[in-house]
Amino acid sequence: MTGHLSRAARSDARDNRARILAAARTVFGESGLGAPMRDIARHAEVGHATLYRHFPTKQALIAQTFSEQRRACRTAVRDALTDPDPWHGFRSLIERICELHAYSRGFADAFIAANPDAADFAADREQAERAIAELARRAQQTGRLRADFVVDDLILMLMAHRGLHDAPGPARLTASRRFAAYVIEAFRAAPETEAPVPLPPAPHLRTRTPM
């Protein structure tokens, strides 16, 4: 009987942890990292004590919530650096990072901002910035990337990209892909005789107030 109760308790704990992480992905994804822990507990339908038993700090919860996106980001950086064509690797990295950011406002917040609740992301940002600088150097040597590109340009792009979270969910990824295509064209040092690359489909967006 004791063994059965122990297994049941462990199963309940696993279920609660999974529900908390699912709730955090939803709440942080929609509201960003500023969402309070009580909102996550309410969404997961657990008490505050249960939430803090699994995740004693907000920082710990954020790190676990976005662990999959962090791995995907590191993979994107690694793939870009090992691409035999530096310009193709550079373009692919922009596209993949934009796609990762489009899915979650919280991940975009954690990656871009120096938020004290997302301190574990600092190493990811530093690694990505070093990789982008090296990749940009190689792409510039091929003559395909603008000679005046600097890493801060990509940070500026991601800050602008974050505004896409105001778009309706179904249109957000479409908008992100078109945005990335425009940015890549802006970064490209193409000869005047080279035809522009066709853009992805445009999203159907409407402003909140008449223009």
Protein backbone atom coordinates (compact mmCIF):
# COMPACT_ATOMS: atom_id res chain seq x y z
CA MET A 1 0.00 0.00 0.00
CA THR A 2 2.82 2.40 0.88
CA GLY A 3 4.51 1.68 -2.46
CA HIS A 4 1.27 2.29 -4.32
CA LEU A 5 0.74 5.63 -2.57
CA SER A 6 4.33 6.63 -3.29
CA ARG A 7 3.94 5.86 -7.01
CA ALA A 8 0.65 7.77 -7.08
CA ALA A 9 2.31 10.77 -5.42
CA ARG A 10 5.15 10.73 -7.96
CA SER A 11 2.66 10.48 -10.79
CA ASP A 12 0.69 13.44 -9.42
CA ALA A 13 3.91 15.44 -9.10
CA ARG A 14 4.86 14.70 -12.72
CA ASP A 15 1.39 15.69 -13.88
CA ASN A 16 1.52 18.94 -11.93
CA ARG A 17 4.96 19.78 -13.31
CA ALA A 18 3.80 19.13 -16.87
CA ARG A 19 0.69 21.28 -16.35
CA ILE A 20 2.76 24.11 -14.91
CA LEU A 21 5.17 24.07 -17.86
CA ALA A 22 2.30 23.94 -20.37
CA ALA A 23 0.64 26.87 -18.60
CA ALA A 24 3.91 28.83 -18.52
CA ARG A 25 4.42 28.31 -22.26
CA THR A 26 0.93 29.68 -22.89
CA VAL A 27 1.03 32.59 -20.44
CA PHE A 28 4.60 33.71 -21.17
CA GLY A 29 4.00 33.15 -24.87
CA GLU A 30 0.99 35.47 -24.90
CA SER A 31 1.91 38.01 -22.22
CA GLY A 32 5.71 37.96 -22.09
CA LEU A 33 7.97 37.48 -19.09
CA GLY A 34 6.18 40.16 -17.10
CA ALA A 35 3.28 37.78 -16.47
CA PRO A 36 3.03 37.08 -12.70
CA MET A 37 3.52 33.59 -11.31
CA ARG A 38 -0.02 33.61 -9.90
CA ASP A 39 -1.38 33.75 -13.47
CA ILE A 40 0.58 30.61 -14.33
CA ALA A 41 -0.65 28.82 -11.21
CA ARG A 42 -4.22 29.78 -12.06
CA HIS A 43 -3.84 28.63 -15.67
CA ALA A 44 -2.31 25.33 -14.53
CA GLU A 45 -5.01 24.92 -11.87
CA VAL A 46 -2.50 24.34 -9.08
CA GLY A 47 -1.88 26.15 -5.82
CA HIS A 48 0.96 28.58 -5.30
CA ALA A 49 2.69 26.11 -2.96
CA THR A 50 2.65 23.44 -5.68
CA LEU A 51 4.05 25.87 -8.24
CA TYR A 52 6.92 26.98 -6.00
CA ARG A 53 7.65 23.43 -4.89
CA HIS A 54 8.46 22.55 -8.51
CA PHE A 55 9.97 25.91 -9.47
CA PRO A 56 11.27 27.89 -6.48
CA THR A 57 12.02 30.96 -8.62
CA LYS A 58 10.59 32.56 -11.74
CA GLN A 59 14.03 32.29 -13.33
CA ALA A 60 13.99 28.51 -12.89
CA LEU A 61 10.54 28.30 -14.46
CA ILE A 62 11.57 30.43 -17.44
CA ALA A 63 14.68 28.34 -18.05
CA GLN A 64 12.65 25.12 -18.15
CA THR A 65 9.75 26.61 -20.10
CA PHE A 66 11.97 27.60 -23.01
CA SER A 67 14.52 24.78 -22.86
CA GLU A 68 13.33 23.39 -26.20
CA GLN A 69 13.58 26.78 -27.93
CA ARG A 70 17.04 27.32 -26.46
CA ARG A 71 18.21 23.99 -27.89
CA ALA A 72 16.67 24.86 -31.25
CA CYS A 73 18.44 28.23 -31.23
CA ARG A 74 21.81 26.62 -30.45
CA THR A 75 21.23 24.11 -33.24
CA ALA A 76 20.41 26.91 -35.68
CA VAL A 77 23.65 28.70 -34.78
CA ARG A 78 25.69 25.52 -35.15
CA ASP A 79 24.11 24.67 -38.50
CA ALA A 80 24.74 28.18 -39.81
CA LEU A 81 28.41 28.09 -38.83
CA THR A 82 28.97 24.72 -40.49
CA ASP A 83 27.19 25.69 -43.73
CA PRO A 84 29.80 25.66 -46.55
CA ASP A 85 28.11 28.77 -48.00
CA PRO A 86 28.43 31.56 -45.39
CA TRP A 87 25.75 33.73 -47.01
CA HIS A 88 23.28 30.84 -47.08
CA GLY A 89 24.13 30.07 -43.47
CA PHE A 90 23.59 33.71 -42.51
CA ARG A 91 20.23 33.85 -44.26
CA SER A 92 19.09 30.55 -42.72
CA LEU A 93 20.03 31.74 -39.24
CA ILE A 94 17.93 34.89 -39.58
CA GLU A 95 14.96 32.88 -40.83
CA ARG A 96 15.18 30.30 -38.05
CA ILE A 97 15.66 32.82 -35.25
CA CYS A 98 12.71 34.88 -36.49
CA GLU A 99 10.55 31.76 -36.59
CA LEU A 100 11.50 30.80 -33.03
CA HIS A 101 10.70 34.32 -31.82
CA ALA A 102 7.39 34.42 -33.69
CA TYR A 103 5.97 31.53 -31.68
CA SER A 104 6.44 33.08 -28.24
CA ARG A 105 6.56 36.61 -26.88
CA GLY A 106 8.20 35.20 -23.75
CA PHE A 107 11.08 33.61 -25.66
CA ALA A 108 11.60 36.84 -27.60
CA ASP A 109 11.68 38.77 -24.30
CA ALA A 110 14.18 36.36 -22.77
CA PHE A 111 16.47 36.32 -25.81
CA ILE A 112 16.55 40.06 -26.46
CA ALA A 113 16.22 41.73 -23.08
CA ALA A 114 18.61 41.69 -20.13
CA ASN A 115 15.75 40.55 -17.91
CA PRO A 116 16.88 39.44 -14.42
CA ASP A 117 14.26 36.66 -14.52
CA ALA A 118 15.91 35.26 -17.68
CA ALA A 119 19.55 35.34 -16.61
CA ASP A 120 20.18 31.83 -17.96
CA PHE A 121 19.72 33.23 -21.47
CA ALA A 122 22.78 35.49 -21.20
CA ALA A 123 25.15 32.72 -22.28
CA ASP A 124 22.87 31.87 -25.21
CA ARG A 125 22.86 35.48 -26.37
CA GLU A 126 26.63 35.78 -26.09
CA GLN A 127 27.15 32.55 -28.02
CA ALA A 128 24.72 33.67 -30.73
CA GLU A 129 26.35 37.09 -31.02
CA ARG A 130 29.83 35.58 -31.38
CA ALA A 131 28.55 33.14 -34.01
CA ILE A 132 26.76 35.89 -35.94
CA ALA A 133 29.89 38.06 -35.91
CA GLU A 134 31.98 35.20 -37.29
CA LEU A 135 29.34 34.24 -39.83
CA ALA A 136 28.99 37.86 -40.94
CA ARG A 137 32.77 38.13 -41.39
CA ARG A 138 32.74 35.08 -43.66
CA ALA A 139 29.69 36.26 -45.61
CA GLN A 140 31.25 39.69 -46.11
CA GLN A 141 34.35 38.04 -47.54
CA THR A 142 32.16 36.44 -50.21
CA GLY A 143 30.79 39.87 -51.17
CA ARG A 144 27.18 38.83 -50.52
CA LEU A 145 26.69 40.60 -47.18
CA ARG A 146 26.91 44.38 -46.87
CA ALA A 147 30.34 45.50 -45.73
CA ASP A 148 28.80 47.85 -43.16
CA PHE A 149 26.72 45.16 -41.40
CA VAL A 150 27.32 44.90 -37.64
CA VAL A 151 25.81 42.51 -35.08
CA ASP A 152 23.80 45.35 -33.54
CA ASP A 153 21.84 45.47 -36.80
CA LEU A 154 20.49 42.01 -36.08
CA ILE A 155 19.54 43.00 -32.53
CA LEU A 156 17.71 45.99 -34.00
CA MET A 157 15.91 43.66 -36.39
CA LEU A 158 14.81 41.35 -33.56
CA MET A 159 13.54 44.29 -31.52
CA ALA A 160 11.41 45.35 -34.49
CA HIS A 161 10.34 41.75 -35.09
CA ARG A 162 9.00 41.56 -31.55
CA GLY A 163 6.21 43.93 -32.61
CA LEU A 164 4.72 41.11 -34.69
CA HIS A 165 3.29 39.63 -31.50
CA ASP A 166 0.52 42.21 -31.80
CA ALA A 167 -0.59 40.42 -34.97
CA PRO A 168 -3.27 37.71 -34.78
CA GLY A 169 -1.82 34.27 -34.03
CA PRO A 170 -2.62 32.64 -37.40
CA ALA A 171 -0.96 35.49 -39.33
CA ARG A 172 2.07 35.88 -37.08
CA LEU A 173 4.29 33.22 -38.64
CA THR A 174 3.42 34.38 -42.16
CA ALA A 175 4.27 37.95 -41.17
CA SER A 176 7.52 36.78 -39.56
CA ARG A 177 8.66 35.00 -42.72
CA ARG A 178 7.96 38.04 -44.89
CA PHE A 179 9.67 40.31 -42.38
CA ALA A 180 12.77 38.06 -42.39
CA ALA A 181 12.83 38.12 -46.19
CA TYR A 182 12.77 41.93 -46.23
CA VAL A 183 15.58 42.09 -43.67
CA ILE A 184 17.73 39.64 -45.62
CA GLU A 185 17.28 41.76 -48.74
CA ALA A 186 18.33 44.84 -46.75
CA PHE A 187 21.48 43.05 -45.58
CA ARG A 188 22.36 41.68 -48.99
CA ALA A 189 25.13 43.38 -50.97
CA ALA A 190 23.76 42.36 -54.36
CA PRO A 191 24.92 43.76 -57.69
CA GLU A 192 22.39 46.08 -59.33
CA THR A 193 22.01 43.56 -62.14
CA GLU A 194 20.91 40.76 -59.79
CA ALA A 195 17.17 40.23 -59.60
CA PRO A 196 15.63 40.49 -56.10
CA VAL A 197 14.59 37.27 -54.39
CA PRO A 198 10.77 36.79 -54.44
CA LEU A 199 9.15 37.52 -51.08
CA PRO A 200 7.06 34.99 -49.15
CA PRO A 201 3.27 35.57 -49.16
CA ALA A 202 2.03 38.67 -47.35
CA PRO A 203 -0.05 38.17 -44.19
CA HIS A 204 -3.55 39.59 -43.96
CA LEU A 205 -3.16 42.19 -41.24
CA ARG A 206 -5.32 45.07 -40.14
CA THR A 207 -4.29 47.94 -37.92
CA ARG A 208 -6.26 48.42 -34.74
CA THR A 209 -7.27 51.96 -35.65
CA PRO A 210 -8.07 53.40 -39.09
CA MET A 211 -5.10 55.05 -40.78
